[in-house]
């Protein structure tokens, strides 16, 4: 978590425009060490989600880099973050709020980071989301998608170009099948 980074001085909140010098959160979950750290600590503020997750508040922070994860991303850039098909896996929290806020921040970067494959070896960049999966972050909100194979930058790109960018960062063993599906869907523009 963040506590070792705060303890070592890597995170000191000194460059923040609002709540300078303070860590702001809407909830805490962690070890006893974390709870001991925040107990009566004036450098930590726990505020309501309506404030902490407001895109207009997030956007006030210059160079806000919002890093979120997801379960899978389709070739158009849509992201499923709370469900695996019809099975709800988790909540999506403030993902959309932070992606929007970072996109509006001066120099900000809204980032979705995920491994190219699941622990079971299933592709995480897929032709289409699984049947019944909920779209948490629309292709309009997704700017950067990052895997261990690189970064796809999607804004301003049409669907074929988005597919091409996402295939580049997919697992190498998945790229040929993704290219075939992209070609079927978008035509020769993807090749």
N, C-alpha and C. Protein backbone atom coordinates (compact mmCIF):
# COMPACT_ATOMS: atom_id res chain seq x y z
N UNK A 1 0.79 -1.19 0.00
CA UNK A 1 0.00 0.00 0.00
C UNK A 1 0.84 1.26 0.00
N UNK A 2 0.20 2.32 0.35
CA UNK A 2 0.83 3.64 0.33
C UNK A 2 1.65 3.96 1.57
N UNK A 3 1.37 3.29 2.67
CA UNK A 3 2.01 3.68 3.93
C UNK A 3 3.54 3.65 3.86
N UNK A 4 4.17 2.63 3.29
CA UNK A 4 5.64 2.67 3.18
C UNK A 4 6.14 3.86 2.36
N UNK A 5 5.37 4.27 1.34
CA UNK A 5 5.76 5.42 0.53
C UNK A 5 5.64 6.72 1.31
N UNK A 6 4.62 6.80 2.17
CA UNK A 6 4.46 7.98 3.03
C UNK A 6 5.58 7.99 4.08
N UNK A 7 5.83 6.84 4.70
CA UNK A 7 6.88 6.75 5.72
C UNK A 7 8.25 7.13 5.19
N UNK A 8 8.53 6.77 3.93
CA UNK A 8 9.86 7.05 3.35
C UNK A 8 9.95 8.44 2.74
N UNK A 9 8.84 9.18 2.72
CA UNK A 9 8.85 10.53 2.18
C UNK A 9 8.61 10.62 0.68
N UNK A 10 8.39 9.49 0.03
CA UNK A 10 8.10 9.51 -1.41
C UNK A 10 6.78 10.24 -1.65
N UNK A 11 5.80 9.97 -0.81
CA UNK A 11 4.53 10.70 -0.85
C UNK A 11 4.50 11.63 0.36
N UNK A 12 4.43 12.94 0.07
CA UNK A 12 4.33 13.89 1.18
C UNK A 12 3.20 14.91 0.97
N UNK A 13 2.51 14.82 -0.16
CA UNK A 13 1.36 15.67 -0.45
C UNK A 13 1.70 17.16 -0.49
N UNK A 14 2.94 17.49 -0.67
CA UNK A 14 3.36 18.90 -0.63
C UNK A 14 3.01 19.66 -1.90
N UNK A 15 2.76 18.99 -3.01
CA UNK A 15 2.47 19.68 -4.27
C UNK A 15 0.98 19.79 -4.56
N UNK A 16 0.16 19.37 -3.63
CA UNK A 16 -1.28 19.43 -3.84
C UNK A 16 -1.80 20.86 -3.76
N UNK A 17 -2.79 21.17 -4.58
CA UNK A 17 -3.42 22.48 -4.58
C UNK A 17 -4.42 22.60 -3.43
N UNK A 18 -5.15 21.52 -3.17
CA UNK A 18 -6.09 21.49 -2.06
C UNK A 18 -5.60 20.47 -1.04
N UNK A 19 -5.90 20.69 0.19
CA UNK A 19 -5.50 19.76 1.27
C UNK A 19 -3.99 19.52 1.25
N UNK A 20 -3.23 20.57 1.02
CA UNK A 20 -1.77 20.49 0.94
C UNK A 20 -1.20 19.85 2.21
N UNK A 21 -0.31 18.88 2.02
CA UNK A 21 0.33 18.21 3.14
C UNK A 21 -0.51 17.14 3.80
N UNK A 22 -1.71 16.91 3.26
CA UNK A 22 -2.60 15.92 3.89
C UNK A 22 -2.96 14.82 2.90
N UNK A 23 -3.12 13.62 3.42
CA UNK A 23 -3.65 12.50 2.65
C UNK A 23 -5.16 12.51 2.82
N UNK A 24 -5.87 12.50 1.69
CA UNK A 24 -7.33 12.53 1.71
C UNK A 24 -7.85 11.21 1.16
N UNK A 25 -8.83 10.65 1.84
CA UNK A 25 -9.43 9.39 1.42
C UNK A 25 -10.90 9.38 1.82
N UNK A 26 -11.62 8.42 1.27
CA UNK A 26 -13.02 8.27 1.68
C UNK A 26 -13.21 7.01 2.53
N UNK A 27 -12.23 6.12 2.53
CA UNK A 27 -12.29 4.95 3.39
C UNK A 27 -10.89 4.37 3.54
N UNK A 28 -10.74 3.54 4.54
CA UNK A 28 -9.46 2.88 4.82
C UNK A 28 -9.68 1.39 5.02
N UNK A 29 -8.80 0.62 4.48
CA UNK A 29 -8.83 -0.82 4.69
C UNK A 29 -7.39 -1.30 4.66
N UNK A 30 -6.97 -1.95 5.72
CA UNK A 30 -5.59 -2.39 5.75
C UNK A 30 -5.21 -3.04 7.06
N UNK A 31 -3.95 -2.89 7.40
CA UNK A 31 -3.36 -3.54 8.56
C UNK A 31 -3.54 -2.70 9.82
N UNK A 32 -3.23 -3.30 10.93
CA UNK A 32 -3.25 -2.57 12.20
C UNK A 32 -2.26 -1.41 12.14
N UNK A 33 -1.15 -1.60 11.44
CA UNK A 33 -0.16 -0.54 11.27
C UNK A 33 -0.78 0.69 10.60
N UNK A 34 -1.62 0.46 9.59
CA UNK A 34 -2.31 1.56 8.92
C UNK A 34 -3.25 2.26 9.90
N UNK A 35 -4.03 1.49 10.63
CA UNK A 35 -4.99 2.08 11.57
C UNK A 35 -4.27 2.87 12.66
N UNK A 36 -3.13 2.37 13.12
CA UNK A 36 -2.35 3.10 14.12
C UNK A 36 -1.84 4.42 13.53
N UNK A 37 -1.44 4.39 12.27
CA UNK A 37 -0.92 5.57 11.61
C UNK A 37 -1.98 6.67 11.47
N UNK A 38 -3.19 6.29 11.09
CA UNK A 38 -4.22 7.30 10.84
C UNK A 38 -4.93 7.78 12.11
N UNK A 39 -4.84 7.01 13.19
CA UNK A 39 -5.54 7.36 14.42
C UNK A 39 -5.06 8.71 14.95
N UNK A 40 -5.96 9.68 15.00
CA UNK A 40 -5.66 11.03 15.48
C UNK A 40 -4.51 11.70 14.72
N UNK A 41 -4.30 11.32 13.46
CA UNK A 41 -3.25 11.90 12.64
C UNK A 41 -3.81 13.10 11.87
N UNK A 42 -3.36 14.31 12.17
CA UNK A 42 -3.89 15.49 11.47
C UNK A 42 -3.50 15.54 9.98
N UNK A 43 -2.57 14.69 9.58
CA UNK A 43 -2.15 14.63 8.18
C UNK A 43 -3.02 13.73 7.33
N UNK A 44 -4.08 13.17 7.93
CA UNK A 44 -5.00 12.29 7.19
C UNK A 44 -6.42 12.83 7.38
N UNK A 45 -7.11 13.01 6.26
CA UNK A 45 -8.50 13.44 6.29
C UNK A 45 -9.37 12.38 5.61
N UNK A 46 -10.38 11.89 6.33
CA UNK A 46 -11.35 10.96 5.76
C UNK A 46 -12.62 11.77 5.49
N UNK A 47 -12.94 11.90 4.20
CA UNK A 47 -14.06 12.74 3.77
C UNK A 47 -15.08 11.90 3.00
N UNK A 48 -16.24 12.47 2.77
CA UNK A 48 -17.31 11.76 2.07
C UNK A 48 -16.98 11.58 0.59
N UNK A 49 -17.45 10.45 0.04
CA UNK A 49 -17.22 10.13 -1.38
C UNK A 49 -17.77 11.20 -2.31
N UNK A 50 -18.85 11.84 -1.93
CA UNK A 50 -19.43 12.87 -2.79
C UNK A 50 -18.41 13.98 -3.06
N UNK A 51 -17.50 14.17 -2.14
CA UNK A 51 -16.43 15.17 -2.31
C UNK A 51 -15.19 14.55 -2.94
N UNK A 52 -14.68 13.48 -2.33
CA UNK A 52 -13.40 12.91 -2.80
C UNK A 52 -13.48 12.39 -4.23
N UNK A 53 -14.65 11.94 -4.64
CA UNK A 53 -14.81 11.35 -5.97
C UNK A 53 -15.43 12.31 -6.99
N UNK A 54 -15.60 13.55 -6.63
CA UNK A 54 -16.18 14.52 -7.56
C UNK A 54 -15.16 14.86 -8.64
N UNK A 55 -15.47 14.60 -9.91
CA UNK A 55 -14.51 14.90 -10.98
C UNK A 55 -14.02 16.35 -10.95
N UNK A 56 -14.87 17.28 -10.57
CA UNK A 56 -14.45 18.69 -10.52
C UNK A 56 -13.40 18.93 -9.44
N UNK A 57 -13.48 18.19 -8.34
CA UNK A 57 -12.49 18.30 -7.27
C UNK A 57 -11.19 17.62 -7.71
N UNK A 58 -11.30 16.45 -8.29
CA UNK A 58 -10.13 15.71 -8.76
C UNK A 58 -9.38 16.53 -9.81
N UNK A 59 -10.12 17.18 -10.70
CA UNK A 59 -9.52 17.96 -11.79
C UNK A 59 -8.73 19.17 -11.28
N UNK A 60 -8.98 19.62 -10.07
CA UNK A 60 -8.23 20.76 -9.52
C UNK A 60 -6.78 20.40 -9.23
N UNK A 61 -6.49 19.12 -9.17
CA UNK A 61 -5.12 18.68 -8.89
C UNK A 61 -4.35 18.59 -10.21
N UNK A 62 -3.39 19.49 -10.45
CA UNK A 62 -2.63 19.42 -11.70
C UNK A 62 -1.86 18.09 -11.79
N UNK A 63 -1.76 17.59 -13.00
CA UNK A 63 -1.03 16.36 -13.30
C UNK A 63 -1.57 15.16 -12.51
N UNK A 64 -2.88 15.14 -12.30
CA UNK A 64 -3.49 14.01 -11.60
C UNK A 64 -3.37 12.76 -12.49
N UNK A 65 -2.76 11.75 -11.97
CA UNK A 65 -2.66 10.47 -12.65
C UNK A 65 -3.55 9.49 -11.89
N UNK A 66 -4.67 9.13 -12.47
CA UNK A 66 -5.60 8.19 -11.86
C UNK A 66 -5.33 6.82 -12.43
N UNK A 67 -4.87 5.90 -11.61
CA UNK A 67 -4.54 4.54 -12.06
C UNK A 67 -5.58 3.59 -11.48
N UNK A 68 -6.36 3.00 -12.37
CA UNK A 68 -7.38 2.04 -11.99
C UNK A 68 -7.11 0.74 -12.71
N UNK A 69 -7.80 -0.30 -12.30
CA UNK A 69 -7.68 -1.59 -12.97
C UNK A 69 -9.04 -2.01 -13.48
N UNK A 70 -9.06 -3.08 -14.22
CA UNK A 70 -10.31 -3.61 -14.73
C UNK A 70 -10.15 -5.11 -14.97
N UNK A 71 -11.24 -5.75 -15.26
CA UNK A 71 -11.22 -7.20 -15.49
C UNK A 71 -10.89 -7.51 -16.94
N UNK A 72 -11.48 -6.75 -17.86
CA UNK A 72 -11.15 -6.93 -19.28
C UNK A 72 -11.48 -5.65 -20.04
N UNK A 73 -10.82 -5.50 -21.19
CA UNK A 73 -11.03 -4.38 -22.09
C UNK A 73 -11.29 -4.96 -23.47
N UNK A 74 -12.33 -4.45 -24.15
CA UNK A 74 -12.58 -4.94 -25.50
C UNK A 74 -11.81 -4.10 -26.52
N UNK A 75 -11.88 -4.51 -27.78
CA UNK A 75 -11.08 -3.86 -28.82
C UNK A 75 -11.51 -2.45 -29.15
N UNK A 76 -12.61 -1.97 -28.58
CA UNK A 76 -13.01 -0.58 -28.77
C UNK A 76 -12.58 0.29 -27.59
N UNK A 77 -12.13 -0.33 -26.50
CA UNK A 77 -11.70 0.40 -25.32
C UNK A 77 -12.68 0.40 -24.17
N UNK A 78 -13.81 -0.31 -24.32
CA UNK A 78 -14.75 -0.43 -23.21
C UNK A 78 -14.14 -1.32 -22.13
N UNK A 79 -14.39 -0.98 -20.86
CA UNK A 79 -13.81 -1.75 -19.77
C UNK A 79 -14.87 -2.30 -18.84
N UNK A 80 -14.77 -3.58 -18.54
CA UNK A 80 -15.59 -4.22 -17.51
C UNK A 80 -14.72 -4.29 -16.26
N UNK A 81 -15.20 -3.71 -15.18
CA UNK A 81 -14.39 -3.62 -13.97
C UNK A 81 -15.04 -4.26 -12.75
N UNK A 82 -16.32 -4.55 -12.84
CA UNK A 82 -17.00 -5.07 -11.66
C UNK A 82 -17.59 -6.45 -11.85
N UNK A 83 -17.54 -6.97 -13.08
CA UNK A 83 -18.18 -8.27 -13.31
C UNK A 83 -17.38 -9.11 -14.29
N UNK A 84 -17.51 -10.40 -14.10
CA UNK A 84 -16.96 -11.38 -15.04
C UNK A 84 -18.18 -12.02 -15.68
N UNK A 85 -18.51 -11.55 -16.88
CA UNK A 85 -19.78 -11.93 -17.47
C UNK A 85 -20.90 -11.41 -16.59
N UNK A 86 -21.84 -12.28 -16.26
CA UNK A 86 -22.97 -11.86 -15.42
C UNK A 86 -22.66 -11.92 -13.92
N UNK A 87 -21.51 -12.49 -13.55
CA UNK A 87 -21.17 -12.64 -12.13
C UNK A 87 -20.50 -11.36 -11.62
N UNK A 88 -21.13 -10.75 -10.62
CA UNK A 88 -20.55 -9.55 -10.02
C UNK A 88 -19.32 -9.98 -9.22
N UNK A 89 -18.21 -9.31 -9.48
CA UNK A 89 -16.94 -9.64 -8.85
C UNK A 89 -16.59 -8.64 -7.77
N UNK A 90 -16.89 -7.36 -8.00
CA UNK A 90 -16.57 -6.31 -7.03
C UNK A 90 -17.39 -5.07 -7.38
N UNK A 91 -17.21 -4.05 -6.59
CA UNK A 91 -17.80 -2.77 -6.94
C UNK A 91 -16.84 -2.01 -7.84
N UNK A 92 -17.32 -0.97 -8.50
CA UNK A 92 -16.40 -0.21 -9.35
C UNK A 92 -15.93 1.07 -8.69
N UNK A 93 -16.41 1.32 -7.49
CA UNK A 93 -15.90 2.45 -6.72
C UNK A 93 -15.96 3.75 -7.49
N UNK A 94 -14.89 4.50 -7.48
CA UNK A 94 -14.84 5.79 -8.14
C UNK A 94 -14.12 5.77 -9.46
N UNK A 95 -14.03 4.61 -10.11
CA UNK A 95 -13.25 4.52 -11.34
C UNK A 95 -13.62 5.56 -12.38
N UNK A 96 -14.90 5.67 -12.71
CA UNK A 96 -15.33 6.61 -13.74
C UNK A 96 -15.06 8.04 -13.28
N UNK A 97 -15.31 8.33 -12.01
CA UNK A 97 -15.07 9.67 -11.47
C UNK A 97 -13.60 10.05 -11.60
N UNK A 98 -12.71 9.14 -11.24
CA UNK A 98 -11.29 9.44 -11.29
C UNK A 98 -10.75 9.49 -12.72
N UNK A 99 -11.28 8.65 -13.61
CA UNK A 99 -10.88 8.76 -15.02
C UNK A 99 -11.31 10.11 -15.59
N UNK A 100 -12.52 10.53 -15.29
CA UNK A 100 -13.01 11.83 -15.79
C UNK A 100 -12.23 12.97 -15.16
N UNK A 101 -12.02 12.92 -13.86
CA UNK A 101 -11.29 13.99 -13.17
C UNK A 101 -9.86 14.12 -13.67
N UNK A 102 -9.17 13.00 -13.85
CA UNK A 102 -7.79 13.04 -14.35
C UNK A 102 -7.75 13.56 -15.78
N UNK A 103 -8.74 13.20 -16.59
CA UNK A 103 -8.79 13.70 -17.97
C UNK A 103 -8.98 15.22 -18.00
N UNK A 104 -9.67 15.77 -17.02
CA UNK A 104 -9.91 17.21 -16.96
C UNK A 104 -8.77 17.96 -16.27
N UNK A 105 -7.91 17.25 -15.58
CA UNK A 105 -6.80 17.86 -14.85
C UNK A 105 -5.73 18.34 -15.84
N UNK A 106 -5.16 19.50 -15.56
CA UNK A 106 -4.10 20.04 -16.40
C UNK A 106 -2.89 19.09 -16.34
N UNK A 107 -2.61 18.44 -17.46
CA UNK A 107 -1.50 17.48 -17.51
C UNK A 107 -1.84 16.12 -16.92
N UNK A 108 -3.11 15.87 -16.62
CA UNK A 108 -3.52 14.61 -16.00
C UNK A 108 -3.53 13.44 -16.97
N UNK A 109 -3.53 12.25 -16.40
CA UNK A 109 -3.56 11.03 -17.21
C UNK A 109 -4.52 10.02 -16.57
N UNK A 110 -5.63 9.71 -17.26
CA UNK A 110 -6.53 8.65 -16.79
C UNK A 110 -6.03 7.30 -17.33
N UNK A 111 -5.66 6.41 -16.44
CA UNK A 111 -4.99 5.17 -16.81
C UNK A 111 -5.76 3.95 -16.31
N UNK A 112 -5.95 2.96 -17.19
CA UNK A 112 -6.41 1.64 -16.79
C UNK A 112 -5.21 0.70 -16.95
N UNK A 113 -4.83 0.04 -15.88
CA UNK A 113 -3.69 -0.87 -15.90
C UNK A 113 -4.17 -2.28 -15.57
N UNK A 114 -3.71 -3.23 -16.35
CA UNK A 114 -4.11 -4.62 -16.12
C UNK A 114 -3.08 -5.54 -16.73
N UNK A 115 -2.94 -6.75 -16.20
CA UNK A 115 -2.06 -7.73 -16.87
C UNK A 115 -2.74 -8.21 -18.15
N UNK A 116 -1.95 -8.62 -19.12
CA UNK A 116 -2.52 -9.04 -20.40
C UNK A 116 -3.33 -10.33 -20.28
N UNK A 117 -3.06 -11.09 -19.25
CA UNK A 117 -3.80 -12.33 -19.00
C UNK A 117 -4.11 -12.46 -17.52
N UNK A 118 -5.17 -13.20 -17.23
CA UNK A 118 -5.55 -13.46 -15.84
C UNK A 118 -4.61 -14.50 -15.24
N UNK A 119 -4.74 -14.74 -13.95
CA UNK A 119 -3.92 -15.77 -13.29
C UNK A 119 -4.17 -17.15 -13.89
N UNK A 120 -5.37 -17.34 -14.47
CA UNK A 120 -5.71 -18.63 -15.10
C UNK A 120 -5.26 -18.68 -16.56
N UNK A 121 -4.70 -17.58 -17.06
CA UNK A 121 -4.23 -17.55 -18.44
C UNK A 121 -5.25 -17.05 -19.44
N UNK A 122 -6.39 -16.53 -18.97
CA UNK A 122 -7.41 -16.00 -19.87
C UNK A 122 -6.99 -14.61 -20.36
N UNK A 123 -7.21 -14.32 -21.63
CA UNK A 123 -6.89 -12.98 -22.14
C UNK A 123 -7.71 -11.91 -21.42
N UNK A 124 -7.09 -10.77 -21.18
CA UNK A 124 -7.79 -9.64 -20.55
C UNK A 124 -8.12 -8.57 -21.58
N UNK A 125 -7.44 -8.58 -22.72
CA UNK A 125 -7.85 -7.75 -23.85
C UNK A 125 -8.56 -8.70 -24.80
N UNK A 126 -9.82 -8.40 -25.06
CA UNK A 126 -10.71 -9.35 -25.73
C UNK A 126 -11.44 -8.68 -26.90
N UNK A 127 -11.90 -9.48 -27.87
CA UNK A 127 -12.64 -8.89 -29.00
C UNK A 127 -13.88 -8.13 -28.54
N UNK A 128 -14.68 -8.75 -27.67
CA UNK A 128 -15.86 -8.12 -27.07
C UNK A 128 -15.90 -8.55 -25.61
N UNK A 129 -16.52 -7.73 -24.79
CA UNK A 129 -16.66 -8.11 -23.39
C UNK A 129 -17.51 -9.36 -23.28
N UNK A 130 -17.31 -10.11 -22.22
CA UNK A 130 -18.11 -11.33 -22.01
C UNK A 130 -19.59 -11.00 -21.97
N UNK A 131 -20.38 -11.94 -22.42
CA UNK A 131 -21.83 -11.78 -22.41
C UNK A 131 -22.30 -11.46 -21.00
N UNK A 132 -23.01 -10.37 -20.86
CA UNK A 132 -23.54 -9.96 -19.56
C UNK A 132 -22.62 -9.09 -18.74
N UNK A 133 -21.39 -8.88 -19.19
CA UNK A 133 -20.46 -8.03 -18.43
C UNK A 133 -20.93 -6.59 -18.47
N UNK A 134 -20.77 -5.90 -17.36
CA UNK A 134 -21.15 -4.50 -17.31
C UNK A 134 -20.03 -3.60 -17.79
N UNK A 135 -20.37 -2.63 -18.61
CA UNK A 135 -19.39 -1.63 -19.04
C UNK A 135 -19.32 -0.58 -17.93
N UNK A 136 -18.23 -0.56 -17.21
CA UNK A 136 -18.05 0.43 -16.16
C UNK A 136 -17.48 1.71 -16.76
N UNK A 137 -16.42 1.57 -17.54
CA UNK A 137 -15.80 2.73 -18.19
C UNK A 137 -16.01 2.61 -19.68
N UNK A 138 -16.71 3.60 -20.24
CA UNK A 138 -17.01 3.57 -21.66
C UNK A 138 -15.77 3.91 -22.47
N UNK A 139 -15.82 3.62 -23.75
CA UNK A 139 -14.68 3.95 -24.61
C UNK A 139 -14.44 5.45 -24.67
N UNK A 140 -15.45 6.25 -24.34
CA UNK A 140 -15.28 7.71 -24.30
C UNK A 140 -14.44 8.15 -23.10
N UNK A 141 -14.41 7.35 -22.04
CA UNK A 141 -13.66 7.71 -20.83
C UNK A 141 -12.27 7.10 -20.76
N UNK A 142 -12.03 6.05 -21.52
CA UNK A 142 -10.75 5.34 -21.43
C UNK A 142 -9.72 6.03 -22.33
N UNK A 143 -8.64 6.51 -21.73
CA UNK A 143 -7.58 7.19 -22.49
C UNK A 143 -6.35 6.30 -22.65
N UNK A 144 -5.77 5.88 -21.52
CA UNK A 144 -4.57 5.04 -21.54
C UNK A 144 -4.91 3.66 -21.02
N UNK A 145 -4.47 2.63 -21.73
CA UNK A 145 -4.57 1.25 -21.24
C UNK A 145 -3.14 0.72 -21.21
N UNK A 146 -2.76 0.17 -20.06
CA UNK A 146 -1.38 -0.27 -19.85
C UNK A 146 -1.36 -1.74 -19.47
N UNK A 147 -0.52 -2.52 -20.15
CA UNK A 147 -0.21 -3.90 -19.74
C UNK A 147 1.31 -4.01 -19.65
N UNK A 148 1.78 -5.19 -19.33
CA UNK A 148 3.22 -5.41 -19.27
C UNK A 148 3.87 -5.31 -20.66
N UNK A 149 3.05 -5.19 -21.71
CA UNK A 149 3.58 -5.11 -23.07
C UNK A 149 3.54 -3.70 -23.64
N UNK A 150 3.10 -2.72 -22.86
CA UNK A 150 3.13 -1.36 -23.35
C UNK A 150 1.91 -0.55 -22.99
N UNK A 151 1.76 0.57 -23.71
CA UNK A 151 0.71 1.55 -23.45
C UNK A 151 -0.08 1.79 -24.74
N UNK A 152 -1.39 1.72 -24.65
CA UNK A 152 -2.27 2.09 -25.76
C UNK A 152 -2.89 3.44 -25.41
N UNK A 153 -2.73 4.41 -26.31
CA UNK A 153 -3.31 5.74 -26.13
C UNK A 153 -4.48 5.84 -27.10
N UNK A 154 -5.71 5.98 -26.57
CA UNK A 154 -6.91 5.82 -27.37
C UNK A 154 -7.67 7.08 -27.78
N UNK A 155 -7.57 8.20 -27.06
CA UNK A 155 -8.42 9.36 -27.41
C UNK A 155 -8.21 9.83 -28.85
N UNK A 156 -9.32 10.21 -29.46
CA UNK A 156 -9.28 10.75 -30.81
C UNK A 156 -9.13 9.71 -31.90
N UNK A 157 -9.02 8.45 -31.53
CA UNK A 157 -8.86 7.39 -32.52
C UNK A 157 -10.21 6.74 -32.83
N UNK A 158 -10.38 6.37 -34.09
CA UNK A 158 -11.56 5.61 -34.49
C UNK A 158 -11.45 4.18 -34.00
N UNK A 159 -12.51 3.42 -34.17
CA UNK A 159 -12.53 2.04 -33.66
C UNK A 159 -11.44 1.15 -34.25
N UNK A 160 -11.17 1.18 -35.56
CA UNK A 160 -10.08 0.34 -36.08
C UNK A 160 -8.72 0.70 -35.47
N UNK A 161 -8.44 1.98 -35.31
CA UNK A 161 -7.16 2.41 -34.74
C UNK A 161 -7.07 2.03 -33.26
N UNK A 162 -8.19 2.10 -32.56
CA UNK A 162 -8.20 1.68 -31.15
C UNK A 162 -7.86 0.19 -31.05
N UNK A 163 -8.50 -0.60 -31.92
CA UNK A 163 -8.24 -2.04 -31.91
C UNK A 163 -6.76 -2.31 -32.16
N UNK A 164 -6.19 -1.62 -33.13
CA UNK A 164 -4.77 -1.81 -33.46
C UNK A 164 -3.88 -1.50 -32.25
N UNK A 165 -4.16 -0.38 -31.57
CA UNK A 165 -3.39 0.00 -30.38
C UNK A 165 -3.50 -1.05 -29.27
N UNK A 166 -4.71 -1.54 -29.03
CA UNK A 166 -4.92 -2.51 -27.96
C UNK A 166 -4.30 -3.87 -28.28
N UNK A 167 -4.33 -4.26 -29.54
CA UNK A 167 -3.71 -5.53 -29.93
C UNK A 167 -2.20 -5.49 -29.66
N UNK A 168 -1.57 -4.34 -29.85
CA UNK A 168 -0.13 -4.20 -29.62
C UNK A 168 0.26 -4.49 -28.18
N UNK A 169 -0.66 -4.25 -27.23
CA UNK A 169 -0.32 -4.46 -25.81
C UNK A 169 -0.95 -5.72 -25.24
N UNK A 170 -1.63 -6.48 -26.08
CA UNK A 170 -2.18 -7.77 -25.65
C UNK A 170 -1.05 -8.79 -25.50
N UNK A 171 -1.34 -9.90 -24.85
CA UNK A 171 -0.35 -10.97 -24.74
C UNK A 171 0.03 -11.42 -26.15
N UNK A 172 1.32 -11.63 -26.43
CA UNK A 172 1.74 -12.03 -27.79
C UNK A 172 0.99 -13.24 -28.34
N UNK A 173 0.65 -14.19 -27.48
CA UNK A 173 -0.05 -15.39 -27.94
C UNK A 173 -1.52 -15.11 -28.28
N UNK A 174 -2.03 -13.94 -27.92
CA UNK A 174 -3.43 -13.60 -28.19
C UNK A 174 -3.58 -12.67 -29.40
N UNK A 175 -2.49 -12.12 -29.87
CA UNK A 175 -2.57 -11.07 -30.89
C UNK A 175 -3.13 -11.55 -32.23
N UNK A 176 -2.75 -12.72 -32.68
CA UNK A 176 -3.23 -13.20 -33.98
C UNK A 176 -4.75 -13.37 -33.97
N UNK A 177 -5.29 -13.98 -32.92
CA UNK A 177 -6.74 -14.17 -32.84
C UNK A 177 -7.45 -12.82 -32.73
N UNK A 178 -6.87 -11.87 -31.99
CA UNK A 178 -7.47 -10.55 -31.87
C UNK A 178 -7.45 -9.82 -33.21
N UNK A 179 -6.36 -9.96 -33.96
CA UNK A 179 -6.29 -9.33 -35.27
C UNK A 179 -7.35 -9.89 -36.21
N UNK A 180 -7.56 -11.20 -36.13
CA UNK A 180 -8.58 -11.83 -36.97
C UNK A 180 -9.97 -11.27 -36.63
N UNK A 181 -10.28 -11.20 -35.34
CA UNK A 181 -11.59 -10.69 -34.91
C UNK A 181 -11.74 -9.21 -35.28
N UNK A 182 -10.67 -8.44 -35.13
CA UNK A 182 -10.72 -7.02 -35.48
C UNK A 182 -10.94 -6.85 -36.98
N UNK A 183 -10.28 -7.68 -37.77
CA UNK A 183 -10.45 -7.60 -39.23
C UNK A 183 -11.89 -7.95 -39.61
N UNK A 184 -12.46 -8.96 -38.97
CA UNK A 184 -13.86 -9.33 -39.24
C UNK A 184 -14.80 -8.18 -38.89
N UNK A 185 -14.50 -7.47 -37.82
CA UNK A 185 -15.38 -6.42 -37.34
C UNK A 185 -15.17 -5.08 -38.05
N UNK A 186 -13.91 -4.74 -38.31
CA UNK A 186 -13.60 -3.41 -38.83
C UNK A 186 -13.03 -3.38 -40.25
N UNK A 187 -12.72 -4.56 -40.78
CA UNK A 187 -12.16 -4.61 -42.12
C UNK A 187 -10.66 -4.41 -42.15
N UNK A 188 -10.15 -4.14 -43.33
CA UNK A 188 -8.69 -4.05 -43.54
C UNK A 188 -8.04 -2.88 -42.83
N UNK A 189 -8.83 -1.95 -42.31
CA UNK A 189 -8.28 -0.76 -41.64
C UNK A 189 -7.42 -1.12 -40.43
N UNK A 190 -7.58 -2.33 -39.88
CA UNK A 190 -6.86 -2.72 -38.67
C UNK A 190 -5.49 -3.28 -39.00
N UNK A 191 -5.33 -3.83 -40.18
CA UNK A 191 -4.06 -4.50 -40.52
C UNK A 191 -2.91 -3.55 -40.68
